[in-house]
Amino acid sequence: MPVYRLTKKLIFPPPELAEDDGLLAVGGDLSVERLLLAYSMGIFPWYSDGQPILWWSPDPRLVLIPAELKVSKTLRQTIRKGVFRVTTNEAFEEVIRNCATIERKGEQGTWITEEMIQAYVRLHQAGHAHSVESWDGNELAGGLYGVMIGKAFFGESMFAKKSDASKVAFAVYAAELAGKGFELIDCQVTTEHLIRFGAREIPRSEFVSRLEMALNCSV
């Protein structure tokens, strides 16, 4: 399959035309309108400094159905004890900047470039990107951010400065989404960390079908 080069026209090729590794298109911009269109089609940007904007739609896709959330006994105890105070949208830019700079085992650099940060801050200001924070007193101990459209939440990244801080934020927020009838949490690519929460791989075709259902639901 060819990798499509985007122009200024607000359009993407169908996700099923992606390469085997999930790469679908290159170029375009990170405007609010283009990002919302991409997510609504099951496409997301992922690239590093010095690269053009790369757009992906992997197959299979890792998703968590909120109603299938699994929380370990130990983590449930941490949540019950109130070790961390969990909030939403209180420190969006601080969360995304921590996600960009936190050291990750076996990884170098970051795909959360300054261009990406500014784009998602704009998306947040427009009401479409959200953050979840775990606080230890007045200190931001961990958190995550992502994009919400209809009853789908697209998780982008998380970070933790203290043990279990991001896990608590994710578990509390996922349970909240389950209570609101959300259809899916898009986890994008597979990690053991998310599988332990009950996330599972599904074919891209099934993901697109589930996404269409989620987008037709009002929050």
N, C-alpha and C. Protein backbone atom coordinates (compact mmCIF):
# COMPACT_ATOMS: atom_id res chain seq x y z
N MET A 1 0.84 -1.20 0.00
CA MET A 1 0.00 0.00 0.00
C MET A 1 0.88 1.26 0.00
N PRO A 2 0.50 2.29 -0.72
CA PRO A 2 1.27 3.54 -0.69
C PRO A 2 0.98 4.32 0.58
N VAL A 3 1.93 5.14 1.02
CA VAL A 3 1.70 6.07 2.11
C VAL A 3 1.22 7.37 1.49
N TYR A 4 0.10 7.86 1.91
CA TYR A 4 -0.53 9.01 1.27
C TYR A 4 0.06 10.32 1.80
N ARG A 5 0.29 11.24 0.89
CA ARG A 5 0.77 12.57 1.27
C ARG A 5 -0.43 13.52 1.35
N LEU A 6 -0.61 14.10 2.53
CA LEU A 6 -1.74 14.98 2.75
C LEU A 6 -1.45 16.37 2.21
N THR A 7 -2.50 17.06 1.79
CA THR A 7 -2.40 18.44 1.36
C THR A 7 -3.15 19.31 2.37
N LYS A 8 -3.40 20.55 2.01
CA LYS A 8 -4.15 21.43 2.91
C LYS A 8 -5.63 21.04 2.98
N LYS A 9 -6.08 20.23 2.05
CA LYS A 9 -7.46 19.79 2.05
C LYS A 9 -7.71 18.90 3.26
N LEU A 10 -8.83 19.12 3.93
CA LEU A 10 -9.14 18.40 5.16
C LEU A 10 -9.74 17.03 4.81
N ILE A 11 -8.84 16.07 4.59
CA ILE A 11 -9.28 14.74 4.18
C ILE A 11 -8.20 13.72 4.53
N PHE A 12 -8.62 12.48 4.85
CA PHE A 12 -7.71 11.37 5.08
C PHE A 12 -8.14 10.20 4.20
N PRO A 13 -7.19 9.36 3.79
CA PRO A 13 -7.57 8.12 3.13
C PRO A 13 -8.21 7.17 4.13
N PRO A 14 -8.96 6.19 3.68
CA PRO A 14 -9.57 5.22 4.60
C PRO A 14 -8.50 4.47 5.40
N PRO A 15 -8.75 4.21 6.69
CA PRO A 15 -7.75 3.54 7.54
C PRO A 15 -7.28 2.20 7.02
N GLU A 16 -8.17 1.47 6.32
CA GLU A 16 -7.79 0.14 5.85
C GLU A 16 -6.71 0.17 4.78
N LEU A 17 -6.36 1.36 4.29
CA LEU A 17 -5.29 1.49 3.30
C LEU A 17 -3.92 1.68 3.94
N ALA A 18 -3.84 1.58 5.27
CA ALA A 18 -2.57 1.76 5.97
C ALA A 18 -1.59 0.64 5.64
N GLU A 19 -0.31 0.93 5.79
CA GLU A 19 0.74 -0.07 5.65
C GLU A 19 0.57 -1.15 6.74
N ASP A 20 1.31 -2.23 6.61
CA ASP A 20 1.23 -3.31 7.60
C ASP A 20 1.58 -2.83 9.01
N ASP A 21 2.49 -1.85 9.10
CA ASP A 21 2.86 -1.34 10.42
C ASP A 21 1.90 -0.28 10.93
N GLY A 22 0.88 0.06 10.14
CA GLY A 22 -0.12 1.04 10.58
C GLY A 22 0.05 2.42 10.00
N LEU A 23 1.18 2.69 9.34
CA LEU A 23 1.40 4.03 8.77
C LEU A 23 0.44 4.25 7.60
N LEU A 24 -0.27 5.35 7.66
CA LEU A 24 -1.29 5.64 6.65
C LEU A 24 -0.96 6.84 5.79
N ALA A 25 -0.49 7.93 6.42
CA ALA A 25 -0.31 9.17 5.66
C ALA A 25 0.80 10.01 6.27
N VAL A 26 1.25 11.00 5.51
CA VAL A 26 2.30 11.90 5.95
C VAL A 26 1.91 13.32 5.56
N GLY A 27 2.28 14.28 6.43
CA GLY A 27 2.03 15.68 6.11
C GLY A 27 0.79 16.22 6.77
N GLY A 28 0.23 17.25 6.16
CA GLY A 28 -0.93 17.90 6.76
C GLY A 28 -0.53 18.84 7.89
N ASP A 29 -1.40 18.98 8.86
CA ASP A 29 -1.14 19.88 9.98
C ASP A 29 -1.79 19.30 11.23
N LEU A 30 -1.63 20.02 12.34
CA LEU A 30 -2.20 19.59 13.61
C LEU A 30 -3.28 20.55 14.08
N SER A 31 -4.07 21.03 13.14
CA SER A 31 -5.18 21.91 13.51
C SER A 31 -6.22 21.12 14.29
N VAL A 32 -7.02 21.82 15.07
CA VAL A 32 -8.09 21.18 15.83
C VAL A 32 -8.99 20.38 14.91
N GLU A 33 -9.35 20.99 13.77
CA GLU A 33 -10.28 20.34 12.84
C GLU A 33 -9.69 19.04 12.28
N ARG A 34 -8.40 19.06 11.92
CA ARG A 34 -7.79 17.87 11.34
C ARG A 34 -7.64 16.77 12.40
N LEU A 35 -7.25 17.16 13.61
CA LEU A 35 -7.11 16.16 14.68
C LEU A 35 -8.45 15.49 14.98
N LEU A 36 -9.51 16.27 15.05
CA LEU A 36 -10.83 15.69 15.34
C LEU A 36 -11.26 14.76 14.22
N LEU A 37 -11.00 15.13 12.98
CA LEU A 37 -11.34 14.26 11.87
C LEU A 37 -10.54 12.96 11.95
N ALA A 38 -9.25 13.08 12.24
CA ALA A 38 -8.40 11.90 12.33
C ALA A 38 -8.91 10.94 13.40
N TYR A 39 -9.14 11.45 14.60
CA TYR A 39 -9.59 10.57 15.68
C TYR A 39 -10.93 9.94 15.36
N SER A 40 -11.81 10.69 14.73
CA SER A 40 -13.13 10.16 14.41
C SER A 40 -13.06 9.03 13.38
N MET A 41 -11.93 8.93 12.67
CA MET A 41 -11.72 7.87 11.68
C MET A 41 -10.82 6.76 12.22
N GLY A 42 -10.36 6.89 13.46
CA GLY A 42 -9.46 5.90 14.02
C GLY A 42 -8.01 6.10 13.64
N ILE A 43 -7.62 7.35 13.40
CA ILE A 43 -6.27 7.71 12.97
C ILE A 43 -5.67 8.65 14.01
N PHE A 44 -4.37 8.54 14.25
CA PHE A 44 -3.72 9.45 15.20
C PHE A 44 -2.32 9.82 14.71
N PRO A 45 -1.80 10.98 15.12
CA PRO A 45 -0.45 11.40 14.73
C PRO A 45 0.59 10.84 15.70
N TRP A 46 1.75 10.49 15.16
CA TRP A 46 2.83 9.95 15.99
C TRP A 46 4.13 10.09 15.21
N TYR A 47 5.01 10.95 15.65
CA TYR A 47 6.26 11.20 14.93
C TYR A 47 7.25 11.86 15.88
N SER A 48 8.48 11.97 15.48
CA SER A 48 9.53 12.54 16.30
C SER A 48 10.03 13.85 15.71
N ASP A 49 10.77 14.61 16.50
CA ASP A 49 11.40 15.84 15.99
C ASP A 49 12.22 15.53 14.75
N GLY A 50 12.13 16.39 13.76
CA GLY A 50 12.88 16.21 12.53
C GLY A 50 12.16 15.40 11.48
N GLN A 51 11.02 14.79 11.86
CA GLN A 51 10.20 14.04 10.90
C GLN A 51 9.00 14.88 10.49
N PRO A 52 8.43 14.59 9.32
CA PRO A 52 7.14 15.20 8.99
C PRO A 52 6.07 14.58 9.89
N ILE A 53 4.87 15.15 9.90
CA ILE A 53 3.77 14.59 10.67
C ILE A 53 3.38 13.25 10.06
N LEU A 54 3.38 12.20 10.87
CA LEU A 54 3.02 10.86 10.42
C LEU A 54 1.70 10.46 11.05
N TRP A 55 0.82 9.86 10.27
CA TRP A 55 -0.52 9.48 10.73
C TRP A 55 -0.66 7.96 10.68
N TRP A 56 -1.22 7.38 11.74
CA TRP A 56 -1.23 5.93 11.91
C TRP A 56 -2.64 5.40 12.18
N SER A 57 -2.85 4.16 11.75
CA SER A 57 -4.07 3.42 12.10
C SER A 57 -3.69 1.94 12.17
N PRO A 58 -3.15 1.50 13.31
CA PRO A 58 -2.61 0.14 13.41
C PRO A 58 -3.69 -0.95 13.40
N ASP A 59 -3.27 -2.13 13.01
CA ASP A 59 -4.15 -3.30 12.98
C ASP A 59 -3.31 -4.50 13.44
N PRO A 60 -3.63 -5.11 14.60
CA PRO A 60 -4.82 -4.86 15.43
C PRO A 60 -4.69 -3.60 16.26
N ARG A 61 -5.76 -3.28 16.99
CA ARG A 61 -5.82 -2.08 17.81
C ARG A 61 -6.08 -2.49 19.26
N LEU A 62 -5.34 -1.93 20.19
CA LEU A 62 -5.57 -2.22 21.61
C LEU A 62 -6.65 -1.31 22.15
N VAL A 63 -7.70 -1.90 22.72
CA VAL A 63 -8.79 -1.12 23.29
C VAL A 63 -9.15 -1.67 24.66
N LEU A 64 -9.71 -0.81 25.47
CA LEU A 64 -10.30 -1.23 26.73
C LEU A 64 -11.77 -0.85 26.69
N ILE A 65 -12.63 -1.85 26.81
CA ILE A 65 -14.05 -1.58 26.97
C ILE A 65 -14.25 -1.21 28.43
N PRO A 66 -14.68 0.00 28.75
CA PRO A 66 -14.71 0.44 30.15
C PRO A 66 -15.42 -0.54 31.08
N ALA A 67 -16.48 -1.19 30.61
CA ALA A 67 -17.21 -2.14 31.45
C ALA A 67 -16.37 -3.37 31.77
N GLU A 68 -15.27 -3.60 31.03
CA GLU A 68 -14.41 -4.75 31.26
C GLU A 68 -13.17 -4.41 32.08
N LEU A 69 -13.14 -3.22 32.67
CA LEU A 69 -11.99 -2.76 33.46
C LEU A 69 -11.66 -3.75 34.57
N LYS A 70 -10.37 -4.08 34.67
CA LYS A 70 -9.88 -4.93 35.76
C LYS A 70 -8.92 -4.12 36.63
N VAL A 71 -9.16 -4.12 37.92
CA VAL A 71 -8.29 -3.39 38.85
C VAL A 71 -7.81 -4.39 39.90
N SER A 72 -6.52 -4.47 40.06
CA SER A 72 -5.96 -5.44 41.02
C SER A 72 -6.37 -5.10 42.44
N LYS A 73 -6.33 -6.09 43.29
CA LYS A 73 -6.70 -5.90 44.70
C LYS A 73 -5.81 -4.84 45.35
N THR A 74 -4.52 -4.91 45.04
CA THR A 74 -3.58 -3.94 45.62
C THR A 74 -3.90 -2.52 45.19
N LEU A 75 -4.21 -2.34 43.90
CA LEU A 75 -4.52 -1.00 43.41
C LEU A 75 -5.85 -0.52 43.98
N ARG A 76 -6.82 -1.41 44.12
CA ARG A 76 -8.10 -1.02 44.73
C ARG A 76 -7.88 -0.52 46.15
N GLN A 77 -6.98 -1.16 46.87
CA GLN A 77 -6.69 -0.73 48.24
C GLN A 77 -6.04 0.65 48.25
N THR A 78 -5.14 0.88 47.31
CA THR A 78 -4.50 2.20 47.20
C THR A 78 -5.53 3.29 46.93
N ILE A 79 -6.48 2.97 46.05
CA ILE A 79 -7.53 3.93 45.72
C ILE A 79 -8.41 4.20 46.94
N ARG A 80 -8.81 3.13 47.64
CA ARG A 80 -9.68 3.28 48.81
C ARG A 80 -9.01 4.09 49.92
N LYS A 81 -7.71 3.91 50.07
CA LYS A 81 -6.99 4.62 51.12
C LYS A 81 -6.83 6.11 50.82
N GLY A 82 -7.10 6.50 49.58
CA GLY A 82 -6.97 7.91 49.21
C GLY A 82 -5.54 8.39 49.20
N VAL A 83 -4.63 7.50 48.81
CA VAL A 83 -3.21 7.87 48.76
C VAL A 83 -3.01 9.06 47.81
N PHE A 84 -3.76 9.05 46.70
CA PHE A 84 -3.69 10.14 45.73
C PHE A 84 -5.07 10.77 45.55
N ARG A 85 -5.08 12.06 45.38
CA ARG A 85 -6.32 12.78 45.04
C ARG A 85 -6.39 12.89 43.53
N VAL A 86 -7.49 12.44 42.95
CA VAL A 86 -7.62 12.40 41.49
C VAL A 86 -8.54 13.53 41.01
N THR A 87 -8.08 14.28 40.03
CA THR A 87 -8.86 15.38 39.45
C THR A 87 -8.85 15.26 37.93
N THR A 88 -9.68 16.03 37.28
CA THR A 88 -9.67 16.10 35.82
C THR A 88 -9.54 17.55 35.38
N ASN A 89 -8.72 17.75 34.37
CA ASN A 89 -8.59 19.06 33.69
C ASN A 89 -8.14 20.19 34.62
N GLU A 90 -7.39 19.86 35.65
CA GLU A 90 -6.86 20.91 36.51
C GLU A 90 -5.46 21.35 36.12
N ALA A 91 -4.75 20.51 35.36
CA ALA A 91 -3.36 20.85 35.01
C ALA A 91 -3.00 20.20 33.67
N PHE A 92 -3.78 20.50 32.64
CA PHE A 92 -3.59 19.81 31.35
C PHE A 92 -2.18 20.00 30.81
N GLU A 93 -1.73 21.23 30.69
CA GLU A 93 -0.42 21.45 30.08
C GLU A 93 0.70 20.85 30.94
N GLU A 94 0.55 20.90 32.25
CA GLU A 94 1.56 20.31 33.13
C GLU A 94 1.62 18.79 32.92
N VAL A 95 0.46 18.18 32.74
CA VAL A 95 0.42 16.74 32.51
C VAL A 95 1.10 16.37 31.20
N ILE A 96 0.75 17.05 30.11
CA ILE A 96 1.33 16.68 28.82
C ILE A 96 2.83 16.96 28.78
N ARG A 97 3.28 18.00 29.45
CA ARG A 97 4.72 18.28 29.48
C ARG A 97 5.45 17.23 30.30
N ASN A 98 4.84 16.75 31.36
CA ASN A 98 5.46 15.66 32.13
C ASN A 98 5.50 14.38 31.31
N CYS A 99 4.44 14.12 30.54
CA CYS A 99 4.44 12.94 29.67
C CYS A 99 5.58 13.03 28.65
N ALA A 100 5.87 14.25 28.21
CA ALA A 100 6.92 14.45 27.20
C ALA A 100 8.32 14.27 27.77
N THR A 101 8.51 14.60 29.04
CA THR A 101 9.86 14.65 29.59
C THR A 101 10.20 13.51 30.54
N ILE A 102 9.20 12.74 31.00
CA ILE A 102 9.47 11.67 31.95
C ILE A 102 10.37 10.62 31.31
N GLU A 103 11.34 10.11 32.06
CA GLU A 103 12.21 9.06 31.54
C GLU A 103 11.47 7.73 31.54
N ARG A 104 11.58 7.00 30.44
CA ARG A 104 10.92 5.70 30.30
C ARG A 104 11.96 4.64 30.02
N LYS A 105 11.86 3.54 30.72
CA LYS A 105 12.84 2.46 30.60
C LYS A 105 12.90 1.95 29.16
N GLY A 106 14.11 1.91 28.60
CA GLY A 106 14.30 1.37 27.26
C GLY A 106 13.93 2.33 26.14
N GLU A 107 13.58 3.58 26.49
CA GLU A 107 13.18 4.54 25.46
C GLU A 107 14.07 5.77 25.51
N GLN A 108 14.33 6.35 24.35
CA GLN A 108 15.09 7.58 24.25
C GLN A 108 14.28 8.60 23.46
N GLY A 109 14.35 9.86 23.89
CA GLY A 109 13.62 10.91 23.19
C GLY A 109 12.13 10.82 23.46
N THR A 110 11.36 11.57 22.71
CA THR A 110 9.91 11.58 22.88
C THR A 110 9.23 11.91 21.57
N TRP A 111 8.02 11.37 21.40
CA TRP A 111 7.21 11.74 20.23
C TRP A 111 6.33 12.94 20.55
N ILE A 112 6.29 13.35 21.83
CA ILE A 112 5.46 14.50 22.22
C ILE A 112 6.32 15.76 22.05
N THR A 113 6.40 16.21 20.82
CA THR A 113 7.21 17.38 20.49
C THR A 113 6.50 18.66 20.95
N GLU A 114 7.22 19.77 20.89
CA GLU A 114 6.60 21.04 21.26
C GLU A 114 5.43 21.36 20.34
N GLU A 115 5.55 20.99 19.07
CA GLU A 115 4.44 21.18 18.12
C GLU A 115 3.21 20.39 18.56
N MET A 116 3.44 19.16 19.02
CA MET A 116 2.34 18.33 19.51
C MET A 116 1.74 18.91 20.78
N ILE A 117 2.58 19.36 21.68
CA ILE A 117 2.08 19.94 22.93
C ILE A 117 1.15 21.11 22.63
N GLN A 118 1.60 22.02 21.78
CA GLN A 118 0.78 23.19 21.46
C GLN A 118 -0.53 22.78 20.79
N ALA A 119 -0.47 21.76 19.93
CA ALA A 119 -1.68 21.30 19.23
C ALA A 119 -2.70 20.75 20.22
N TYR A 120 -2.24 19.96 21.20
CA TYR A 120 -3.18 19.35 22.14
C TYR A 120 -3.65 20.34 23.19
N VAL A 121 -2.85 21.34 23.47
CA VAL A 121 -3.32 22.42 24.34
C VAL A 121 -4.48 23.15 23.65
N ARG A 122 -4.34 23.39 22.35
CA ARG A 122 -5.45 24.01 21.61
C ARG A 122 -6.67 23.11 21.61
N LEU A 123 -6.44 21.82 21.47
CA LEU A 123 -7.55 20.86 21.49
C LEU A 123 -8.23 20.86 22.86
N HIS A 124 -7.43 20.99 23.90
CA HIS A 124 -7.97 21.09 25.27
C HIS A 124 -8.78 22.37 25.43
N GLN A 125 -8.25 23.46 24.96
CA GLN A 125 -8.96 24.74 25.08
C GLN A 125 -10.28 24.72 24.31
N ALA A 126 -10.34 23.89 23.27
CA ALA A 126 -11.58 23.75 22.49
C ALA A 126 -12.54 22.75 23.13
N GLY A 127 -12.11 22.11 24.22
CA GLY A 127 -12.99 21.22 24.96
C GLY A 127 -12.94 19.76 24.55
N HIS A 128 -11.93 19.38 23.75
CA HIS A 128 -11.88 18.02 23.23
C HIS A 128 -10.77 17.15 23.82
N ALA A 129 -9.76 17.75 24.41
CA ALA A 129 -8.68 17.00 25.04
C ALA A 129 -8.77 17.19 26.55
N HIS A 130 -8.51 16.12 27.29
CA HIS A 130 -8.72 16.14 28.74
C HIS A 130 -7.52 15.51 29.46
N SER A 131 -7.31 15.96 30.66
CA SER A 131 -6.25 15.40 31.50
C SER A 131 -6.85 14.85 32.79
N VAL A 132 -6.18 13.86 33.33
CA VAL A 132 -6.53 13.30 34.63
C VAL A 132 -5.27 13.37 35.48
N GLU A 133 -5.40 13.92 36.68
CA GLU A 133 -4.24 14.15 37.52
C GLU A 133 -4.32 13.35 38.83
N SER A 134 -3.18 12.83 39.27
CA SER A 134 -3.04 12.25 40.61
C SER A 134 -2.15 13.18 41.43
N TRP A 135 -2.69 13.62 42.56
CA TRP A 135 -1.97 14.57 43.41
C TRP A 135 -1.55 13.91 44.71
N ASP A 136 -0.33 14.18 45.12
CA ASP A 136 0.15 13.82 46.46
C ASP A 136 0.29 15.13 47.21
N GLY A 137 -0.75 15.47 47.98
CA GLY A 137 -0.80 16.81 48.55
C GLY A 137 -0.98 17.82 47.43
N ASN A 138 -0.07 18.77 47.34
CA ASN A 138 -0.14 19.77 46.26
C ASN A 138 0.81 19.44 45.11
N GLU A 139 1.43 18.26 45.18
CA GLU A 139 2.40 17.86 44.15
C GLU A 139 1.73 16.96 43.11
N LEU A 140 1.95 17.27 41.84
CA LEU A 140 1.44 16.43 40.76
C LEU A 140 2.30 15.17 40.69
N ALA A 141 1.70 14.03 41.05
CA ALA A 141 2.46 12.79 41.16
C ALA A 141 2.35 11.91 39.93
N GLY A 142 1.33 12.15 39.10
CA GLY A 142 1.14 11.34 37.91
C GLY A 142 -0.11 11.79 37.17
N GLY A 143 -0.33 11.21 36.01
CA GLY A 143 -1.54 11.57 35.28
C GLY A 143 -1.51 11.04 33.86
N LEU A 144 -2.53 11.42 33.12
CA LEU A 144 -2.66 10.99 31.73
C LEU A 144 -3.48 12.04 30.98
N TYR A 145 -3.42 11.97 29.65
CA TYR A 145 -4.25 12.87 28.84
C TYR A 145 -4.72 12.13 27.60
N GLY A 146 -5.78 12.64 27.01
CA GLY A 146 -6.30 12.03 25.80
C GLY A 146 -7.39 12.89 25.19
N VAL A 147 -8.03 12.35 24.18
CA VAL A 147 -9.04 13.06 23.41
C VAL A 147 -10.38 12.36 23.58
N MET A 148 -11.44 13.14 23.73
CA MET A 148 -12.78 12.58 23.90
C MET A 148 -13.68 13.07 22.77
N ILE A 149 -14.33 12.11 22.09
CA ILE A 149 -15.33 12.43 21.09
C ILE A 149 -16.49 11.46 21.31
N GLY A 150 -17.70 11.98 21.43
CA GLY A 150 -18.84 11.11 21.71
C GLY A 150 -18.59 10.33 22.98
N LYS A 151 -18.76 9.00 22.91
CA LYS A 151 -18.48 8.16 24.07
C LYS A 151 -17.27 7.27 23.81
N ALA A 152 -16.26 7.89 23.19
CA ALA A 152 -14.96 7.25 23.00
C ALA A 152 -13.89 8.15 23.61
N PHE A 153 -12.96 7.53 24.33
CA PHE A 153 -11.82 8.27 24.87
C PHE A 153 -10.56 7.67 24.25
N PHE A 154 -9.74 8.54 23.66
CA PHE A 154 -8.51 8.12 22.99
C PHE A 154 -7.33 8.46 23.90
N GLY A 155 -6.82 7.46 24.60
CA GLY A 155 -5.71 7.71 25.50
C GLY A 155 -4.42 7.99 24.73
N GLU A 156 -3.70 9.02 25.14
CA GLU A 156 -2.48 9.39 24.43
C GLU A 156 -1.22 9.01 25.20
N SER A 157 -1.11 9.42 26.44
CA SER A 157 0.11 9.11 27.19
C SER A 157 -0.17 9.31 28.68
N MET A 158 0.69 8.69 29.49
CA MET A 158 0.59 8.88 30.94
C MET A 158 1.99 8.94 31.53
N PHE A 159 2.07 9.42 32.75
CA PHE A 159 3.36 9.50 33.43
C PHE A 159 3.15 9.29 34.92
N ALA A 160 4.20 8.91 35.61
CA ALA A 160 4.15 8.77 37.07
C ALA A 160 5.48 9.19 37.67
N LYS A 161 5.40 10.04 38.67
CA LYS A 161 6.59 10.40 39.44
C LYS A 161 6.64 9.60 40.73
N LYS A 162 5.49 9.05 41.12
CA LYS A 162 5.42 8.21 42.31
C LYS A 162 4.70 6.92 41.96
N SER A 163 5.09 5.85 42.59
CA SER A 163 4.55 4.54 42.29
C SER A 163 3.03 4.52 42.35
N ASP A 164 2.42 3.97 41.32
CA ASP A 164 0.97 3.78 41.21
C ASP A 164 0.19 5.06 40.90
N ALA A 165 0.85 6.20 40.81
CA ALA A 165 0.11 7.46 40.61
C ALA A 165 -0.67 7.47 39.30
N SER A 166 -0.03 7.05 38.20
CA SER A 166 -0.74 7.05 36.91
C SER A 166 -1.76 5.92 36.85
N LYS A 167 -1.45 4.79 37.51
CA LYS A 167 -2.40 3.66 37.54
C LYS A 167 -3.68 4.06 38.25
N VAL A 168 -3.55 4.77 39.35
CA VAL A 168 -4.73 5.24 40.08
C VAL A 168 -5.55 6.19 39.20
N ALA A 169 -4.88 7.13 38.55
CA ALA A 169 -5.58 8.08 37.68
C ALA A 169 -6.34 7.34 36.58
N PHE A 170 -5.68 6.37 35.97
CA PHE A 170 -6.31 5.63 34.87
C PHE A 170 -7.49 4.80 35.37
N ALA A 171 -7.30 4.08 36.46
CA ALA A 171 -8.36 3.21 36.99
C ALA A 171 -9.58 4.02 37.41
N VAL A 172 -9.36 5.12 38.09
CA VAL A 172 -10.48 5.96 38.55
C VAL A 172 -11.23 6.55 37.36
N TYR A 173 -10.49 7.03 36.38
CA TYR A 173 -11.13 7.66 35.22
C TYR A 173 -11.85 6.63 34.35
N ALA A 174 -11.22 5.47 34.16
CA ALA A 174 -11.87 4.43 33.36
C ALA A 174 -13.17 3.97 34.01
N ALA A 175 -13.17 3.85 35.34
CA ALA A 175 -14.40 3.48 36.05
C ALA A 175 -15.46 4.55 35.89
N GLU A 176 -15.03 5.81 35.90
CA GLU A 176 -15.97 6.92 35.70
C GLU A 176 -16.58 6.86 34.30
N LEU A 177 -15.76 6.57 33.30
CA LEU A 177 -16.26 6.46 31.92
C LEU A 177 -17.21 5.28 31.79
N ALA A 178 -16.91 4.18 32.47
CA ALA A 178 -17.81 3.03 32.45
C ALA A 178 -19.17 3.40 33.01
N GLY A 179 -19.17 4.18 34.09
CA GLY A 179 -20.42 4.61 34.70
C GLY A 179 -21.24 5.52 33.81
N LYS A 180 -20.56 6.19 32.88
CA LYS A 180 -21.24 7.09 31.94
C LYS A 180 -21.62 6.39 30.64
N GLY A 181 -21.38 5.09 30.58
CA GLY A 181 -21.76 4.34 29.40
C GLY A 181 -20.83 4.49 28.21
N PHE A 182 -19.56 4.83 28.44
CA PHE A 182 -18.62 4.96 27.32
C PHE A 182 -18.40 3.61 26.66
N GLU A 183 -18.28 3.65 25.34
CA GLU A 183 -18.17 2.43 24.55
C GLU A 183 -16.74 1.88 24.53
N LEU A 184 -15.75 2.77 24.48
CA LEU A 184 -14.37 2.27 24.40
C LEU A 184 -13.36 3.31 24.83
N ILE A 185 -12.22 2.79 25.25
CA ILE A 185 -11.02 3.59 25.48
C ILE A 185 -9.99 3.07 24.50
N ASP A 186 -9.55 3.91 23.59
CA ASP A 186 -8.55 3.53 22.60
C ASP A 186 -7.17 3.62 23.25
N CYS A 187 -6.48 2.48 23.31
CA CYS A 187 -5.13 2.44 23.89
C CYS A 187 -4.05 2.42 22.81
N GLN A 188 -4.46 2.40 21.55
CA GLN A 188 -3.59 2.51 20.38
C GLN A 188 -2.71 1.30 20.17
N VAL A 189 -1.63 1.17 20.93
CA VAL A 189 -0.71 0.06 20.71
C VAL A 189 -0.58 -0.76 22.00
N THR A 190 -0.21 -2.01 21.84
CA THR A 190 -0.26 -2.96 22.94
C THR A 190 0.88 -2.79 23.94
N THR A 191 0.53 -2.75 25.23
CA THR A 191 1.49 -2.80 26.32
C THR A 191 0.95 -3.74 27.39
N GLU A 192 1.85 -4.42 28.09
CA GLU A 192 1.43 -5.33 29.16
C GLU A 192 0.73 -4.56 30.27
N HIS A 193 1.17 -3.33 30.49
CA HIS A 193 0.59 -2.48 31.53
C HIS A 193 -0.92 -2.31 31.31
N LEU A 194 -1.33 -2.06 30.08
CA LEU A 194 -2.75 -1.85 29.79
C LEU A 194 -3.52 -3.16 29.71
N ILE A 195 -2.85 -4.22 29.27
CA ILE A 195 -3.51 -5.53 29.23
C ILE A 195 -3.93 -5.95 30.64
N ARG A 196 -3.12 -5.60 31.63
CA ARG A 196 -3.47 -5.95 33.01
C ARG A 196 -4.74 -5.25 33.47
N PHE A 197 -5.08 -4.13 32.84
CA PHE A 197 -6.32 -3.43 33.15
C PHE A 197 -7.52 -4.03 32.40
N GLY A 198 -7.27 -5.00 31.54
CA GLY A 198 -8.36 -5.62 30.79
C GLY A 198 -8.40 -5.22 29.33
N ALA A 199 -7.43 -4.44 28.88
CA ALA A 199 -7.39 -4.05 27.47
C ALA A 199 -7.10 -5.28 26.61
N ARG A 200 -7.59 -5.28 25.38
CA ARG A 200 -7.37 -6.40 24.48
C ARG A 200 -7.26 -5.91 23.04
N GLU A 201 -6.59 -6.70 22.24
CA GLU A 201 -6.45 -6.36 20.83
C GLU A 201 -7.68 -6.79 20.05
N ILE A 202 -8.13 -5.93 19.15
CA ILE A 202 -9.22 -6.27 18.24
C ILE A 202 -8.81 -5.87 16.83
N PRO A 203 -9.38 -6.50 15.81
CA PRO A 203 -9.07 -6.11 14.43
C PRO A 203 -9.47 -4.65 14.19
N ARG A 204 -8.74 -3.99 13.30
CA ARG A 204 -9.05 -2.59 12.99
C ARG A 204 -10.48 -2.43 12.50
N SER A 205 -10.96 -3.39 11.72
CA SER A 205 -12.33 -3.30 11.22
C SER A 205 -13.34 -3.28 12.37
N GLU A 206 -13.11 -4.09 13.40
CA GLU A 206 -14.00 -4.09 14.56
C GLU A 206 -13.86 -2.78 15.33
N PHE A 207 -12.63 -2.29 15.44
CA PHE A 207 -12.41 -1.02 16.13
C PHE A 207 -13.18 0.10 15.45
N VAL A 208 -13.11 0.17 14.13
CA VAL A 208 -13.81 1.23 13.39
C VAL A 208 -15.31 1.11 13.61
N SER A 209 -15.83 -0.10 13.62
CA SER A 209 -17.27 -0.30 13.86
C SER A 209 -17.66 0.16 15.26
N ARG A 210 -16.86 -0.23 16.26
CA ARG A 210 -17.14 0.19 17.63
C ARG A 210 -17.03 1.71 17.76
N LEU A 211 -16.05 2.28 17.06
CA LEU A 211 -15.85 3.72 17.12
C LEU A 211 -17.06 4.45 16.53
N GLU A 212 -17.57 3.96 15.43
CA GLU A 212 -18.75 4.58 14.82
C GLU A 212 -19.92 4.60 15.79
N MET A 213 -20.13 3.50 16.52
CA MET A 213 -21.18 3.44 17.52
C MET A 213 -20.95 4.46 18.63
N ALA A 214 -19.69 4.55 19.09
CA ALA A 214 -19.36 5.47 20.17
C ALA A 214 -19.56 6.93 19.75
N LEU A 215 -19.25 7.24 18.50
CA LEU A 215 -19.37 8.61 18.02
C LEU A 215 -20.83 9.02 17.86
N ASN A 216 -21.69 8.05 17.71
CA ASN A 216 -23.12 8.35 17.55
C ASN A 216 -23.84 8.49 18.89
N CYS A 217 -23.10 8.33 19.98
CA CYS A 217 -23.67 8.48 21.32
C CYS A 217 -23.32 9.86 21.87
N SER A 218 -24.27 10.51 22.50
CA SER A 218 -23.99 11.79 23.14
C SER A 218 -23.50 11.56 24.55
N VAL A 219 -22.62 12.45 25.00
CA VAL A 219 -22.04 12.31 26.35
C VAL A 219 -23.07 12.72 27.38
